[in-house]
Amino acid sequence: MKYCREQDIEISALKLQSNSVNICVLTIYKAPTGNVNYYTHQLDAILHTLYTATLDFIICGDININYLIGSERKNHLDTLLLTYIY
């Protein structure tokens, strides 16, 4: 709950661990009118907290950023997510 703010970022996470699988599933919602800067800041904080080199992420949900066209919002989110790929 400390990362959530209604309309800007609503998120839940499920961590699955076994001998062969180490996955974190993040489900995220950002309303179309939500604050994109707050959203990306909080997402970065969440990923920074959860990230380990042995943990894979599946991120799904409705972030209301159009990936069919180039935009500053899309580029900013892509850059953020790429920082967690090693």
PDB file of N, CA and C in Angstrom:
ATOM      1  N   MET A   1       0.816  -1.207   0.000  1.00  0.00           N
ATOM      2  CA  MET A   1       0.000   0.000   0.000  1.00  0.00           C
ATOM      3  C   MET A   1       0.857   1.267   0.000  1.00  0.00           C
ATOM      4  N   LYS A   2       2.103   1.194   0.499  1.00  0.00           N
ATOM      5  CA  LYS A   2       2.898   2.412   0.595  1.00  0.00           C
ATOM      6  C   LYS A   2       3.263   2.962  -0.778  1.00  0.00           C
ATOM      7  N   TYR A   3       3.172   2.153  -1.837  1.00  0.00           N
ATOM      8  CA  TYR A   3       3.498   2.612  -3.184  1.00  0.00           C
ATOM      9  C   TYR A   3       2.261   3.040  -3.978  1.00  0.00           C
ATOM     10  N   CYS A   4       1.085   2.730  -3.477  1.00  0.00           N
ATOM     11  CA  CYS A   4      -0.151   2.989  -4.224  1.00  0.00           C
ATOM     12  C   CYS A   4      -0.722   4.373  -3.924  1.00  0.00           C
ATOM     13  N   ARG A   5      -1.291   4.949  -4.958  1.00  0.00           N
ATOM     14  CA  ARG A   5      -2.073   6.177  -4.826  1.00  0.00           C
ATOM     15  C   ARG A   5      -3.147   6.080  -5.892  1.00  0.00           C
ATOM     16  N   GLU A   6      -4.395   6.127  -5.458  1.00  0.00           N
ATOM     17  CA  GLU A   6      -5.524   5.936  -6.368  1.00  0.00           C
ATOM     18  C   GLU A   6      -5.394   6.820  -7.611  1.00  0.00           C
ATOM     19  N   GLN A   7      -5.625   6.210  -8.757  1.00  0.00           N
ATOM     20  CA  GLN A   7      -5.568   6.813 -10.079  1.00  0.00           C
ATOM     21  C   GLN A   7      -4.138   6.912 -10.626  1.00  0.00           C
ATOM     22  N   ASP A   8      -3.145   7.173  -9.775  1.00  0.00           N
ATOM     23  CA  ASP A   8      -1.775   7.349 -10.250  1.00  0.00           C
ATOM     24  C   ASP A   8      -1.045   6.016 -10.397  1.00  0.00           C
ATOM     25  N   ILE A   9      -1.115   5.159  -9.389  1.00  0.00           N
ATOM     26  CA  ILE A   9      -0.559   3.812  -9.487  1.00  0.00           C
ATOM     27  C   ILE A   9      -1.240   2.925  -8.447  1.00  0.00           C
ATOM     28  N   GLU A  10      -1.836   1.868  -8.951  1.00  0.00           N
ATOM     29  CA  GLU A  10      -2.437   0.853  -8.105  1.00  0.00           C
ATOM     30  C   GLU A  10      -1.764  -0.454  -8.508  1.00  0.00           C
ATOM     31  N   ILE A  11      -1.158  -1.127  -7.552  1.00  0.00           N
ATOM     32  CA  ILE A  11      -0.291  -2.254  -7.875  1.00  0.00           C
ATOM     33  C   ILE A  11      -0.432  -3.369  -6.849  1.00  0.00           C
ATOM     34  N   SER A  12      -0.318  -4.590  -7.344  1.00  0.00           N
ATOM     35  CA  SER A  12      -0.208  -5.746  -6.462  1.00  0.00           C
ATOM     36  C   SER A  12       0.880  -6.649  -7.037  1.00  0.00           C
ATOM     37  N   ALA A  13       1.496  -7.428  -6.161  1.00  0.00           N
ATOM     38  CA  ALA A  13       2.597  -8.292  -6.580  1.00  0.00           C
ATOM     39  C   ALA A  13       2.418  -9.680  -5.983  1.00  0.00           C
ATOM     40  N   LEU A  14       2.884 -10.662  -6.745  1.00  0.00           N
ATOM     41  CA  LEU A  14       2.867 -12.050  -6.308  1.00  0.00           C
ATOM     42  C   LEU A  14       4.234 -12.634  -6.633  1.00  0.00           C
ATOM     43  N   LYS A  15       4.912 -13.161  -5.637  1.00  0.00           N
ATOM     44  CA  LYS A  15       6.231 -13.741  -5.839  1.00  0.00           C
ATOM     45  C   LYS A  15       6.110 -15.263  -5.794  1.00  0.00           C
ATOM     46  N   LEU A  16       6.596 -15.904  -6.855  1.00  0.00           N
ATOM     47  CA  LEU A  16       6.543 -17.359  -6.972  1.00  0.00           C
ATOM     48  C   LEU A  16       7.964 -17.896  -6.938  1.00  0.00           C
ATOM     49  N   GLN A  17       8.233 -18.788  -5.990  1.00  0.00           N
ATOM     50  CA  GLN A  17       9.564 -19.340  -5.854  1.00  0.00           C
ATOM     51  C   GLN A  17       9.499 -20.847  -5.711  1.00  0.00           C
ATOM     52  N   SER A  18      10.396 -21.515  -6.431  1.00  0.00           N
ATOM     53  CA  SER A  18      10.589 -22.953  -6.284  1.00  0.00           C
ATOM     54  C   SER A  18      12.032 -23.239  -6.654  1.00  0.00           C
ATOM     55  N   ASN A  19      12.385 -24.502  -6.761  1.00  0.00           N
ATOM     56  CA  ASN A  19      13.755 -24.843  -7.138  1.00  0.00           C
ATOM     57  C   ASN A  19      14.111 -24.358  -8.536  1.00  0.00           C
ATOM     58  N   SER A  20      13.124 -24.305  -9.438  1.00  0.00           N
ATOM     59  CA  SER A  20      13.408 -23.948 -10.825  1.00  0.00           C
ATOM     60  C   SER A  20      12.816 -22.616 -11.264  1.00  0.00           C
ATOM     61  N   VAL A  21      11.989 -21.997 -10.437  1.00  0.00           N
ATOM     62  CA  VAL A  21      11.291 -20.768 -10.824  1.00  0.00           C
ATOM     63  C   VAL A  21      11.440 -19.717  -9.734  1.00  0.00           C
ATOM     64  N   ASN A  22      11.740 -18.510 -10.163  1.00  0.00           N
ATOM     65  CA  ASN A  22      11.813 -17.371  -9.250  1.00  0.00           C
ATOM     66  C   ASN A  22      11.240 -16.171 -10.009  1.00  0.00           C
ATOM     67  N   ILE A  23       9.940 -15.953  -9.865  1.00  0.00           N
ATOM     68  CA  ILE A  23       9.210 -14.965 -10.660  1.00  0.00           C
ATOM     69  C   ILE A  23       8.407 -14.046  -9.742  1.00  0.00           C
ATOM     70  N   CYS A  24       8.357 -12.785 -10.122  1.00  0.00           N
ATOM     71  CA  CYS A  24       7.488 -11.824  -9.457  1.00  0.00           C
ATOM     72  C   CYS A  24       6.519 -11.278 -10.507  1.00  0.00           C
ATOM     73  N   VAL A  25       5.231 -11.459 -10.267  1.00  0.00           N
ATOM     74  CA  VAL A  25       4.207 -10.957 -11.167  1.00  0.00           C
ATOM     75  C   VAL A  25       3.666  -9.656 -10.574  1.00  0.00           C
ATOM     76  N   LEU A  26       3.815  -8.565 -11.331  1.00  0.00           N
ATOM     77  CA  LEU A  26       3.287  -7.264 -10.911  1.00  0.00           C
ATOM     78  C   LEU A  26       2.085  -6.930 -11.778  1.00  0.00           C
ATOM     79  N   THR A  27       0.984  -6.606 -11.151  1.00  0.00           N
ATOM     80  CA  THR A  27      -0.201  -6.150 -11.863  1.00  0.00           C
ATOM     81  C   THR A  27      -0.391  -4.682 -11.505  1.00  0.00           C
ATOM     82  N   ILE A  28      -0.427  -3.840 -12.547  1.00  0.00           N
ATOM     83  CA  ILE A  28      -0.397  -2.393 -12.339  1.00  0.00           C
ATOM     84  C   ILE A  28      -1.557  -1.723 -13.072  1.00  0.00           C
ATOM     85  N   TYR A  29      -2.119  -0.707 -12.448  1.00  0.00           N
ATOM     86  CA  TYR A  29      -3.116   0.133 -13.116  1.00  0.00           C
ATOM     87  C   TYR A  29      -2.742   1.594 -12.903  1.00  0.00           C
ATOM     88  N   LYS A  30      -2.788   2.370 -13.998  1.00  0.00           N
ATOM     89  CA  LYS A  30      -2.682   3.824 -13.947  1.00  0.00           C
ATOM     90  C   LYS A  30      -3.838   4.364 -14.758  1.00  0.00           C
ATOM     91  N   ALA A  31      -4.642   5.198 -14.148  1.00  0.00           N
ATOM     92  CA  ALA A  31      -5.777   5.795 -14.850  1.00  0.00           C
ATOM     93  C   ALA A  31      -5.278   6.705 -15.970  1.00  0.00           C
ATOM     94  N   PRO A  32      -6.068   6.897 -17.021  1.00  0.00           N
ATOM     95  CA  PRO A  32      -5.659   7.794 -18.111  1.00  0.00           C
ATOM     96  C   PRO A  32      -5.310   9.198 -17.624  1.00  0.00           C
ATOM     97  N   THR A  33      -5.929   9.637 -16.549  1.00  0.00           N
ATOM     98  CA  THR A  33      -5.664  10.975 -16.007  1.00  0.00           C
ATOM     99  C   THR A  33      -4.621  10.953 -14.892  1.00  0.00           C
ATOM    100  N   GLY A  34      -4.043   9.775 -14.630  1.00  0.00           N
ATOM    101  CA  GLY A  34      -3.070   9.639 -13.555  1.00  0.00           C
ATOM    102  C   GLY A  34      -1.775  10.388 -13.849  1.00  0.00           C
ATOM    103  N   ASN A  35      -1.051  10.698 -12.806  1.00  0.00           N
ATOM    104  CA  ASN A  35       0.212  11.423 -12.887  1.00  0.00           C
ATOM    105  C   ASN A  35       1.310  10.464 -13.354  1.00  0.00           C
ATOM    106  N   VAL A  36       1.788  10.638 -14.579  1.00  0.00           N
ATOM    107  CA  VAL A  36       2.775   9.736 -15.174  1.00  0.00           C
ATOM    108  C   VAL A  36       4.104   9.812 -14.429  1.00  0.00           C
ATOM    109  N   ASN A  37       4.523  10.996 -14.023  1.00  0.00           N
ATOM    110  CA  ASN A  37       5.791  11.128 -13.297  1.00  0.00           C
ATOM    111  C   ASN A  37       5.746  10.402 -11.955  1.00  0.00           C
ATOM    112  N   TYR A  38       4.644  10.516 -11.250  1.00  0.00           N
ATOM    113  CA  TYR A  38       4.485   9.800  -9.982  1.00  0.00           C
ATOM    114  C   TYR A  38       4.495   8.303 -10.233  1.00  0.00           C
ATOM    115  N   TYR A  39       3.796   7.874 -11.277  1.00  0.00           N
ATOM    116  CA  TYR A  39       3.724   6.461 -11.645  1.00  0.00           C
ATOM    117  C   TYR A  39       5.118   5.888 -11.885  1.00  0.00           C
ATOM    118  N   THR A  40       5.910   6.534 -12.726  1.00  0.00           N
ATOM    119  CA  THR A  40       7.233   5.997 -13.050  1.00  0.00           C
ATOM    120  C   THR A  40       8.168   6.050 -11.830  1.00  0.00           C
ATOM    121  N   HIS A  41       8.044   7.079 -11.017  1.00  0.00           N
ATOM    122  CA  HIS A  41       8.864   7.166  -9.802  1.00  0.00           C
ATOM    123  C   HIS A  41       8.541   6.008  -8.858  1.00  0.00           C
ATOM    124  N   GLN A  42       7.265   5.745  -8.641  1.00  0.00           N
ATOM    125  CA  GLN A  42       6.862   4.670  -7.747  1.00  0.00           C
ATOM    126  C   GLN A  42       7.221   3.300  -8.321  1.00  0.00           C
ATOM    127  N   LEU A  43       7.045   3.122  -9.633  1.00  0.00           N
ATOM    128  CA  LEU A  43       7.403   1.852 -10.255  1.00  0.00           C
ATOM    129  C   LEU A  43       8.900   1.604 -10.094  1.00  0.00           C
ATOM    130  N   ASP A  44       9.703   2.627 -10.269  1.00  0.00           N
ATOM    131  CA  ASP A  44      11.142   2.493 -10.082  1.00  0.00           C
ATOM    132  C   ASP A  44      11.454   2.100  -8.636  1.00  0.00           C
ATOM    133  N   ALA A  45      10.812   2.710  -7.683  1.00  0.00           N
ATOM    134  CA  ALA A  45      11.034   2.382  -6.273  1.00  0.00           C
ATOM    135  C   ALA A  45      10.651   0.931  -5.979  1.00  0.00           C
ATOM    136  N   ILE A  46       9.552   0.485  -6.553  1.00  0.00           N
ATOM    137  CA  ILE A  46       9.094  -0.899  -6.354  1.00  0.00           C
ATOM    138  C   ILE A  46      10.101  -1.877  -6.952  1.00  0.00           C
ATOM    139  N   LEU A  47      10.495  -1.637  -8.201  1.00  0.00           N
ATOM    140  CA  LEU A  47      11.444  -2.535  -8.854  1.00  0.00           C
ATOM    141  C   LEU A  47      12.783  -2.533  -8.125  1.00  0.00           C
ATOM    142  N   HIS A  48      13.211  -1.382  -7.673  1.00  0.00           N
ATOM    143  CA  HIS A  48      14.477  -1.289  -6.941  1.00  0.00           C
ATOM    144  C   HIS A  48      14.420  -2.111  -5.646  1.00  0.00           C
ATOM    145  N   THR A  49      13.292  -2.089  -4.980  1.00  0.00           N
ATOM    146  CA  THR A  49      13.109  -2.838  -3.747  1.00  0.00           C
ATOM    147  C   THR A  49      13.088  -4.347  -3.990  1.00  0.00           C
ATOM    148  N   LEU A  50      12.419  -4.780  -5.055  1.00  0.00           N
ATOM    149  CA  LEU A  50      12.229  -6.206  -5.309  1.00  0.00           C
ATOM    150  C   LEU A  50      13.340  -6.851  -6.128  1.00  0.00           C
ATOM    151  N   TYR A  51      14.062  -6.063  -6.900  1.00  0.00           N
ATOM    152  CA  TYR A  51      14.985  -6.612  -7.887  1.00  0.00           C
ATOM    153  C   TYR A  51      16.132  -7.410  -7.269  1.00  0.00           C
ATOM    154  N   THR A  52      16.373  -8.591  -7.847  1.00  0.00           N
ATOM    155  CA  THR A  52      17.592  -9.367  -7.640  1.00  0.00           C
ATOM    156  C   THR A  52      17.951  -9.955  -8.994  1.00  0.00           C
ATOM    157  N   ALA A  53      19.203 -10.310  -9.178  1.00  0.00           N
ATOM    158  CA  ALA A  53      19.652 -10.851 -10.464  1.00  0.00           C
ATOM    159  C   ALA A  53      18.989 -12.183 -10.795  1.00  0.00           C
ATOM    160  N   THR A  54      18.461 -12.874  -9.798  1.00  0.00           N
ATOM    161  CA  THR A  54      17.850 -14.184 -10.029  1.00  0.00           C
ATOM    162  C   THR A  54      16.323 -14.142 -10.074  1.00  0.00           C
ATOM    163  N   LEU A  55      15.751 -12.963 -10.006  1.00  0.00           N
ATOM    164  CA  LEU A  55      14.295 -12.822 -10.026  1.00  0.00           C
ATOM    165  C   LEU A  55      13.841 -12.271 -11.367  1.00  0.00           C
ATOM    166  N   ASP A  56      12.942 -13.007 -12.029  1.00  0.00           N
ATOM    167  CA  ASP A  56      12.345 -12.534 -13.273  1.00  0.00           C
ATOM    168  C   ASP A  56      11.024 -11.841 -12.958  1.00  0.00           C
ATOM    169  N   PHE A  57      10.713 -10.812 -13.757  1.00  0.00           N
ATOM    170  CA  PHE A  57       9.466 -10.068 -13.569  1.00  0.00           C
ATOM    171  C   PHE A  57       8.523 -10.284 -14.733  1.00  0.00           C
ATOM    172  N   ILE A  58       7.262 -10.379 -14.418  1.00  0.00           N
ATOM    173  CA  ILE A  58       6.189 -10.291 -15.403  1.00  0.00           C
ATOM    174  C   ILE A  58       5.364  -9.087 -14.972  1.00  0.00           C
ATOM    175  N   ILE A  59       5.301  -8.087 -15.840  1.00  0.00           N
ATOM    176  CA  ILE A  59       4.550  -6.868 -15.532  1.00  0.00           C
ATOM    177  C   ILE A  59       3.359  -6.820 -16.470  1.00  0.00           C
ATOM    178  N   CYS A  60       2.174  -6.734 -15.890  1.00  0.00           N
ATOM    179  CA  CYS A  60       0.968  -6.692 -16.710  1.00  0.00           C
ATOM    180  C   CYS A  60      -0.016  -5.705 -16.088  1.00  0.00           C
ATOM    181  N   GLY A  61      -1.044  -5.389 -16.830  1.00  0.00           N
ATOM    182  CA  GLY A  61      -2.058  -4.479 -16.335  1.00  0.00           C
ATOM    183  C   GLY A  61      -2.411  -3.441 -17.374  1.00  0.00           C
ATOM    184  N   ASP A  62      -2.901  -2.328 -16.921  1.00  0.00           N
ATOM    185  CA  ASP A  62      -3.327  -1.239 -17.797  1.00  0.00           C
ATOM    186  C   ASP A  62      -2.620   0.031 -17.346  1.00  0.00           C
ATOM    187  N   ILE A  63      -1.597   0.409 -18.100  1.00  0.00           N
ATOM    188  CA  ILE A  63      -0.803   1.578 -17.718  1.00  0.00           C
ATOM    189  C   ILE A  63      -1.196   2.821 -18.495  1.00  0.00           C
ATOM    190  N   ASN A  64      -2.078   2.660 -19.459  1.00  0.00           N
ATOM    191  CA  ASN A  64      -2.588   3.783 -20.242  1.00  0.00           C
ATOM    192  C   ASN A  64      -1.486   4.634 -20.860  1.00  0.00           C
ATOM    193  N   ILE A  65      -0.484   3.955 -21.426  1.00  0.00           N
ATOM    194  CA  ILE A  65       0.533   4.592 -22.245  1.00  0.00           C
ATOM    195  C   ILE A  65       0.468   3.903 -23.605  1.00  0.00           C
ATOM    196  N   ASN A  66       0.228   4.667 -24.639  1.00  0.00           N
ATOM    197  CA  ASN A  66       0.051   4.112 -25.978  1.00  0.00           C
ATOM    198  C   ASN A  66       1.395   3.676 -26.553  1.00  0.00           C
ATOM    199  N   TYR A  67       1.575   2.373 -26.726  1.00  0.00           N
ATOM    200  CA  TYR A  67       2.818   1.845 -27.285  1.00  0.00           C
ATOM    201  C   TYR A  67       2.779   1.749 -28.798  1.00  0.00           C
ATOM    202  N   LEU A  68       1.684   2.147 -29.414  1.00  0.00           N
ATOM    203  CA  LEU A  68       1.588   2.103 -30.878  1.00  0.00           C
ATOM    204  C   LEU A  68       2.196   3.344 -31.527  1.00  0.00           C
ATOM    205  N   ILE A  69       2.403   4.382 -30.737  1.00  0.00           N
ATOM    206  CA  ILE A  69       3.025   5.599 -31.256  1.00  0.00           C
ATOM    207  C   ILE A  69       4.181   5.995 -30.341  1.00  0.00           C
ATOM    208  N   GLY A  70       5.174   6.642 -30.894  1.00  0.00           N
ATOM    209  CA  GLY A  70       6.277   7.132 -30.088  1.00  0.00           C
ATOM    210  C   GLY A  70       5.841   8.313 -29.244  1.00  0.00           C
ATOM    211  N   SER A  71       6.284   8.347 -28.010  1.00  0.00           N
ATOM    212  CA  SER A  71       5.956   9.478 -27.142  1.00  0.00           C
ATOM    213  C   SER A  71       6.996   9.557 -26.030  1.00  0.00           C
ATOM    214  N   GLU A  72       7.056  10.700 -25.383  1.00  0.00           N
ATOM    215  CA  GLU A  72       7.968  10.883 -24.258  1.00  0.00           C
ATOM    216  C   GLU A  72       7.601   9.933 -23.117  1.00  0.00           C
ATOM    217  N   ARG A  73       6.312   9.723 -22.887  1.00  0.00           N
ATOM    218  CA  ARG A  73       5.869   8.809 -21.831  1.00  0.00           C
ATOM    219  C   ARG A  73       6.360   7.392 -22.095  1.00  0.00           C
ATOM    220  N   LYS A  74       6.199   6.933 -23.318  1.00  0.00           N
ATOM    221  CA  LYS A  74       6.653   5.599 -23.707  1.00  0.00           C
ATOM    222  C   LYS A  74       8.159   5.484 -23.551  1.00  0.00           C
ATOM    223  N   ASN A  75       8.896   6.459 -24.053  1.00  0.00           N
ATOM    224  CA  ASN A  75      10.356   6.436 -23.965  1.00  0.00           C
ATOM    225  C   ASN A  75      10.837   6.429 -22.514  1.00  0.00           C
ATOM    226  N   HIS A  76      10.196   7.215 -21.683  1.00  0.00           N
ATOM    227  CA  HIS A  76      10.579   7.286 -20.275  1.00  0.00           C
ATOM    228  C   HIS A  76      10.352   5.937 -19.587  1.00  0.00           C
ATOM    229  N   LEU A  77       9.216   5.316 -19.830  1.00  0.00           N
ATOM    230  CA  LEU A  77       8.927   4.012 -19.238  1.00  0.00           C
ATOM    231  C   LEU A  77       9.887   2.955 -19.768  1.00  0.00           C
ATOM    232  N   ASP A  78      10.149   2.953 -21.061  1.00  0.00           N
ATOM    233  CA  ASP A  78      11.103   1.998 -21.641  1.00  0.00           C
ATOM    234  C   ASP A  78      12.483   2.140 -20.997  1.00  0.00           C
ATOM    235  N   THR A  79      12.945   3.370 -20.841  1.00  0.00           N
ATOM    236  CA  THR A  79      14.251   3.613 -20.234  1.00  0.00           C
ATOM    237  C   THR A  79      14.295   3.090 -18.806  1.00  0.00           C
ATOM    238  N   LEU A  80      13.230   3.338 -18.063  1.00  0.00           N
ATOM    239  CA  LEU A  80      13.148   2.846 -16.692  1.00  0.00           C
ATOM    240  C   LEU A  80      13.238   1.325 -16.666  1.00  0.00           C
ATOM    241  N   LEU A  81      12.436   0.660 -17.480  1.00  0.00           N
ATOM    242  CA  LEU A  81      12.408  -0.803 -17.458  1.00  0.00           C
ATOM    243  C   LEU A  81      13.739  -1.401 -17.919  1.00  0.00           C
ATOM    244  N   LEU A  82      14.393  -0.758 -18.865  1.00  0.00           N
ATOM    245  CA  LEU A  82      15.672  -1.264 -19.354  1.00  0.00           C
ATOM    246  C   LEU A  82      16.777  -1.204 -18.297  1.00  0.00           C
ATOM    247  N   THR A  83      16.629  -0.350 -17.306  1.00  0.00           N
ATOM    248  CA  THR A  83      17.641  -0.285 -16.245  1.00  0.00           C
ATOM    249  C   THR A  83      17.650  -1.542 -15.390  1.00  0.00           C
ATOM    250  N   TYR A  84      16.595  -2.347 -15.463  1.00  0.00           N
ATOM    251  CA  TYR A  84      16.508  -3.566 -14.678  1.00  0.00           C
ATOM    252  C   TYR A  84      16.780  -4.824 -15.502  1.00  0.00           C
ATOM    253  N   ILE A  85      17.314  -4.676 -16.694  1.00  0.00           N
ATOM    254  CA  ILE A  85      17.697  -5.803 -17.535  1.00  0.00           C
ATOM    255  C   ILE A  85      19.206  -5.912 -17.515  1.00  0.00           C
ATOM    256  N   TYR A  86      19.697  -7.041 -17.078  1.00  0.00           N
ATOM    257  CA  TYR A  86      21.148  -7.259 -17.050  1.00  0.00           C
ATOM    258  C   TYR A  86      21.486  -8.505 -17.806  1.00  0.00           C
TER     259      TYR A  86
END
